[in-house]
Amino acid sequence: MISDDPVWLLITEEANVSIAEESLLSEFYQSAILDHSDLASALSYNLANQFSGSAIPSAAIEKLILDVLKVDPSITVSARLDIMASFKRDPACDKHLIPLLYFKGFQAIQLHRVAHWYWCNNRTALALFLQNQVAEVFAVDIHPGARIGSGIMIDHATGLVVGETAIIGDNVSILHSVTLGGSGSGEGNRHPEVGSGVMIAAGAKIIGNVKIGDGVKVGAGSLVIESIPPHATVVGVPARIVGAPLEGSPSFEMNQYLDV
């Protein structure tokens, strides 16, 4: 039975239109989307296919992913919200199927959700294996211990690093070469906590157990080493407050200007 999930129905409709537009890719769209009954099945298949040549066969990885999605449906809910985030915030994303098939930021974060589930369920070796594979394939290194909300858009993604104790809220947008890094070698929380609605521009580095308030905009190339209050715009090395975003949630508008 085909799922009545509206996002999944949009994806299948787009796949059929895409086949009509480019028949050469008909088998690709068929196996990646139309052969599946719901988003969880297609997601598992497409994510596993990124690991061709892995030490674990792709069919086994597909089952590892699908098993988690069945046990924890909230992961598929988050994936759906992530697809909508890309569609709404990225002008280069004019179809809902594009993140599922092509965006490595989207794919990396879904694999992180699976790895995080295994991490939290005492299968740390498997979680670290998945993390390593994601780092090798996508150049995105998210520790499986990191906690990440929903409605996340990771644009371009190359060079993203997120440490073990980092926390990312809902509806956050992150561009490439961003680091949420640790400070010190001790135990406990040593990575940033990022609130909801935050936009972190390209190349920004946020280091240590600092809190980034809701609705903050972090300018490109900034170095953040101190906590930032909600709804502030920061830029520089080290970062300083230079104003306030025009938007309540900068992540939605993706306005790269500093609003000063």
Protein backbone atom coordinates (compact mmCIF):
# COMPACT_ATOMS: atom_id res chain seq x y z
CA MET A 1 0.00 0.00 0.00
CA ILE A 2 1.29 3.44 -0.96
CA SER A 3 1.64 5.87 1.93
CA ASP A 4 -0.78 8.81 2.05
CA ASP A 5 1.96 11.06 3.47
CA PRO A 6 1.57 14.30 1.47
CA VAL A 7 5.32 14.85 1.18
CA TRP A 8 5.82 11.33 -0.12
CA LEU A 9 2.99 11.81 -2.64
CA LEU A 10 4.67 14.99 -3.86
CA ILE A 11 7.96 13.13 -4.25
CA THR A 12 6.38 10.34 -6.30
CA GLU A 13 4.54 12.85 -8.50
CA GLU A 14 7.80 14.70 -9.09
CA ALA A 15 9.55 11.43 -9.97
CA ASN A 16 6.94 10.67 -12.63
CA VAL A 17 7.28 14.18 -14.08
CA SER A 18 11.06 13.85 -14.04
CA ILE A 19 10.88 10.58 -15.97
CA ALA A 20 8.77 12.30 -18.62
CA GLU A 21 11.33 15.11 -18.81
CA GLU A 22 14.43 12.87 -18.87
CA SER A 23 13.68 9.29 -19.88
CA LEU A 24 17.34 8.33 -19.62
CA LEU A 25 16.95 8.46 -15.81
CA SER A 26 13.74 6.44 -15.68
CA GLU A 27 15.36 3.37 -14.10
CA PHE A 28 17.08 5.56 -11.53
CA TYR A 29 13.84 7.26 -10.47
CA GLN A 30 12.04 3.93 -10.49
CA SER A 31 14.50 2.19 -8.15
CA ALA A 32 15.18 5.22 -5.95
CA ILE A 33 11.56 6.34 -5.49
CA LEU A 34 8.76 4.62 -7.36
CA ASP A 35 9.63 1.08 -6.27
CA HIS A 36 9.03 2.14 -2.63
CA SER A 37 5.77 2.47 -0.74
CA ASP A 38 6.79 5.23 1.66
CA LEU A 39 9.50 7.72 2.61
CA ALA A 40 11.15 5.41 5.17
CA SER A 41 11.71 2.70 2.56
CA ALA A 42 13.07 5.12 -0.05
CA LEU A 43 15.22 6.86 2.53
CA SER A 44 16.78 3.58 3.68
CA TYR A 45 17.48 2.51 0.10
CA ASN A 46 19.01 5.79 -1.01
CA LEU A 47 21.14 6.26 2.11
CA ALA A 48 22.49 2.71 1.91
CA ASN A 49 23.43 3.21 -1.74
CA GLN A 50 25.83 5.98 -0.71
CA PHE A 51 27.98 3.31 0.93
CA SER A 52 28.91 1.21 -2.11
CA GLY A 53 32.28 -0.41 -1.44
CA SER A 54 31.78 -0.27 2.33
CA ALA A 55 32.91 -3.09 4.62
CA ILE A 56 29.21 -3.85 5.12
CA PRO A 57 27.10 -4.67 2.02
CA SER A 58 24.61 -1.95 1.08
CA ALA A 59 21.70 -4.38 1.54
CA ALA A 60 22.76 -4.96 5.15
CA ILE A 61 23.13 -1.21 5.75
CA GLU A 62 19.70 -0.64 4.22
CA LYS A 63 18.24 -3.08 6.74
CA LEU A 64 20.12 -1.41 9.63
CA ILE A 65 18.61 1.92 8.63
CA LEU A 66 15.08 0.64 8.00
CA ASP A 67 15.06 -1.25 11.31
CA VAL A 68 15.73 2.02 13.16
CA LEU A 69 13.11 3.93 11.18
CA LYS A 70 10.52 1.32 12.07
CA VAL A 71 11.40 1.37 15.77
CA ASP A 72 11.62 5.16 15.94
CA PRO A 73 9.17 6.79 13.46
CA SER A 74 10.19 10.24 14.72
CA ILE A 75 13.33 9.96 12.56
CA THR A 76 11.22 9.80 9.41
CA VAL A 77 9.12 12.69 10.71
CA SER A 78 12.33 14.71 11.13
CA ALA A 79 13.47 13.72 7.62
CA ARG A 80 10.16 14.97 6.24
CA LEU A 81 10.63 18.30 8.01
CA ASP A 82 14.21 18.50 6.73
CA ILE A 83 12.97 17.99 3.15
CA MET A 84 10.47 20.80 3.60
CA ALA A 85 13.20 22.99 5.08
CA SER A 86 15.38 22.58 1.99
CA PHE A 87 12.44 23.12 -0.36
CA LYS A 88 11.35 26.32 1.40
CA ARG A 89 14.76 27.86 2.16
CA ASP A 90 17.01 26.86 -0.74
CA PRO A 91 16.10 28.43 -4.11
CA ALA A 92 18.20 25.73 -5.80
CA CYS A 93 15.80 23.09 -4.45
CA ASP A 94 12.73 23.26 -6.68
CA LYS A 95 11.57 19.68 -6.08
CA HIS A 96 11.00 17.74 -2.87
CA LEU A 97 12.89 14.75 -4.26
CA ILE A 98 16.13 16.71 -4.66
CA PRO A 99 17.30 16.51 -1.01
CA LEU A 100 16.46 12.81 -0.87
CA LEU A 101 18.45 12.01 -4.01
CA TYR A 102 21.17 14.62 -4.25
CA PHE A 103 21.79 16.81 -1.19
CA LYS A 104 24.60 15.39 0.91
CA GLY A 105 23.74 17.70 3.80
CA PHE A 106 20.29 16.14 4.00
CA GLN A 107 21.65 12.61 3.54
CA ALA A 108 24.39 13.10 6.14
CA ILE A 109 21.99 14.32 8.80
CA GLN A 110 19.59 11.41 8.24
CA LEU A 111 22.46 8.96 8.64
CA HIS A 112 23.47 10.85 11.76
CA ARG A 113 19.98 10.31 13.19
CA VAL A 114 20.37 6.58 12.62
CA ALA A 115 23.87 6.54 14.10
CA HIS A 116 22.60 8.54 17.09
CA TRP A 117 19.89 5.94 17.71
CA TYR A 118 22.51 3.17 17.77
CA TRP A 119 24.76 5.33 19.98
CA CYS A 120 21.95 5.78 22.50
CA ASN A 121 21.11 2.07 22.40
CA ASN A 122 24.57 0.78 23.35
CA ARG A 123 25.74 -0.11 19.85
CA THR A 124 28.52 2.44 19.81
CA ALA A 125 30.80 0.50 17.46
CA LEU A 126 28.12 0.52 14.75
CA ALA A 127 27.36 4.18 15.42
CA LEU A 128 31.03 5.12 15.01
CA PHE A 129 31.26 3.02 11.84
CA LEU A 130 28.35 4.95 10.33
CA GLN A 131 29.92 8.26 11.41
CA ASN A 132 33.17 7.32 9.72
CA GLN A 133 31.42 6.32 6.51
CA VAL A 134 29.51 9.61 6.42
CA ALA A 135 32.76 11.52 6.94
CA GLU A 136 34.48 9.60 4.14
CA VAL A 137 31.62 9.85 1.64
CA PHE A 138 30.24 13.33 2.34
CA ALA A 139 33.10 15.20 4.06
CA VAL A 140 30.66 15.82 6.92
CA ASP A 141 31.73 14.74 10.41
CA ILE A 142 28.91 14.65 12.98
CA HIS A 143 29.63 12.69 16.14
CA PRO A 144 26.82 10.20 16.84
CA GLY A 145 26.46 11.59 20.37
CA ALA A 146 25.39 15.03 19.09
CA ARG A 147 21.69 15.89 19.53
CA ILE A 148 19.98 17.54 16.58
CA GLY A 149 16.42 18.79 16.18
CA SER A 150 14.12 18.81 13.14
CA GLY A 151 13.60 21.15 10.21
CA ILE A 152 17.36 21.32 9.63
CA MET A 153 18.92 22.56 6.40
CA ILE A 154 22.62 21.97 5.87
CA ASP A 155 23.47 23.79 2.64
CA HIS A 156 26.39 22.37 0.61
CA ALA A 157 27.62 20.72 3.83
CA THR A 158 31.25 20.09 2.86
CA GLY A 159 33.54 20.55 5.86
CA LEU A 160 30.83 20.55 8.54
CA VAL A 161 32.08 19.30 11.93
CA VAL A 162 29.78 18.76 14.93
CA GLY A 163 31.23 17.47 18.21
CA GLU A 164 29.99 14.81 20.60
CA THR A 165 28.15 16.95 23.16
CA ALA A 166 26.81 19.55 20.72
CA ILE A 167 23.08 20.31 20.72
CA ILE A 168 21.25 21.85 17.75
CA GLY A 169 17.65 23.03 18.11
CA ASP A 170 14.81 23.00 15.59
CA ASN A 171 14.62 24.92 12.31
CA VAL A 172 18.35 25.67 12.12
CA SER A 173 20.18 26.43 8.85
CA ILE A 174 23.90 25.72 8.58
CA LEU A 175 26.17 26.37 5.62
CA HIS A 176 29.40 24.65 4.61
CA SER A 177 32.67 24.60 6.57
CA VAL A 178 30.97 25.28 9.91
CA THR A 179 32.49 23.84 13.10
CA LEU A 180 30.66 23.24 16.37
CA GLY A 181 33.82 22.30 18.22
CA GLY A 182 34.93 21.44 21.70
CA SER A 183 37.22 23.12 24.17
CA GLY A 184 39.33 21.19 26.66
CA SER A 185 39.94 17.50 27.14
CA GLY A 186 37.77 16.91 30.19
CA GLU A 187 34.48 15.08 30.49
CA GLY A 188 31.06 16.70 30.35
CA ASN A 189 29.56 19.25 27.98
CA ARG A 190 32.33 20.83 25.95
CA HIS A 191 30.55 21.73 22.70
CA PRO A 192 28.06 24.44 21.71
CA GLU A 193 24.32 24.45 22.30
CA VAL A 194 22.54 26.11 19.38
CA GLY A 195 18.98 27.37 19.83
CA SER A 196 16.11 27.19 17.37
CA GLY A 197 15.74 29.36 14.28
CA VAL A 198 19.50 30.07 14.13
CA MET A 199 21.40 30.63 10.88
CA ILE A 200 25.12 29.84 10.89
CA ALA A 201 26.80 31.18 7.75
CA ALA A 202 29.67 29.63 5.82
CA GLY A 203 32.94 29.04 7.62
CA ALA A 204 31.77 30.07 11.07
CA LYS A 205 33.43 28.36 14.04
CA ILE A 206 31.62 28.07 17.38
CA ILE A 207 33.92 26.65 20.03
CA GLY A 208 33.34 25.37 23.54
CA ASN A 209 30.32 24.94 25.79
CA VAL A 210 28.68 28.20 24.73
CA LYS A 211 24.99 28.87 24.23
CA ILE A 212 23.69 30.40 21.01
CA GLY A 213 20.24 31.84 21.69
CA ASP A 214 17.14 31.36 19.56
CA GLY A 215 17.00 33.43 16.40
CA VAL A 216 20.71 34.28 16.28
CA LYS A 217 22.49 35.03 13.02
CA VAL A 218 26.19 34.10 12.90
CA GLY A 219 28.04 35.85 10.08
CA ALA A 220 30.32 34.04 7.64
CA GLY A 221 33.82 33.31 8.91
CA SER A 222 33.06 34.30 12.49
CA LEU A 223 34.74 32.79 15.55
CA VAL A 224 32.29 32.48 18.44
CA ILE A 225 33.87 31.70 21.81
CA GLU A 226 31.29 33.28 24.13
CA SER A 227 27.55 32.73 24.56
CA ILE A 228 25.25 34.88 22.41
CA PRO A 229 21.86 36.12 23.64
CA PRO A 230 18.72 35.41 21.59
CA HIS A 231 18.00 37.36 18.41
CA ALA A 232 21.42 38.90 17.92
CA THR A 233 23.61 39.20 14.84
CA VAL A 234 27.28 38.45 15.43
CA VAL A 235 30.32 38.70 13.19
CA GLY A 236 34.09 38.82 13.45
CA VAL A 237 37.10 37.12 15.01
CA PRO A 238 36.31 36.94 17.82
CA ALA A 239 32.62 37.45 17.11
CA ARG A 240 30.86 40.52 18.49
CA ILE A 241 27.24 41.61 18.43
CA VAL A 242 26.66 44.09 15.60
CA GLY A 243 22.87 44.25 15.58
CA ALA A 244 19.74 42.12 15.46
CA PRO A 245 18.29 40.07 12.60
CA LEU A 246 15.35 41.57 10.76
CA GLU A 247 13.70 38.15 10.92
CA GLY A 248 12.47 36.34 14.02
CA SER A 249 14.08 33.15 12.68
CA PRO A 250 17.00 33.99 10.37
CA SER A 251 17.21 30.34 9.33
CA PHE A 252 13.98 30.70 7.34
CA GLU A 253 14.98 33.71 5.22
CA MET A 254 18.69 32.85 4.76
CA ASN A 255 19.51 36.57 4.56
CA GLN A 256 23.31 36.78 4.57
CA TYR A 257 23.49 40.51 5.27
CA LEU A 258 24.34 41.79 8.74
CA ASP A 259 21.32 44.10 9.21
CA VAL A 260 23.35 47.00 10.56
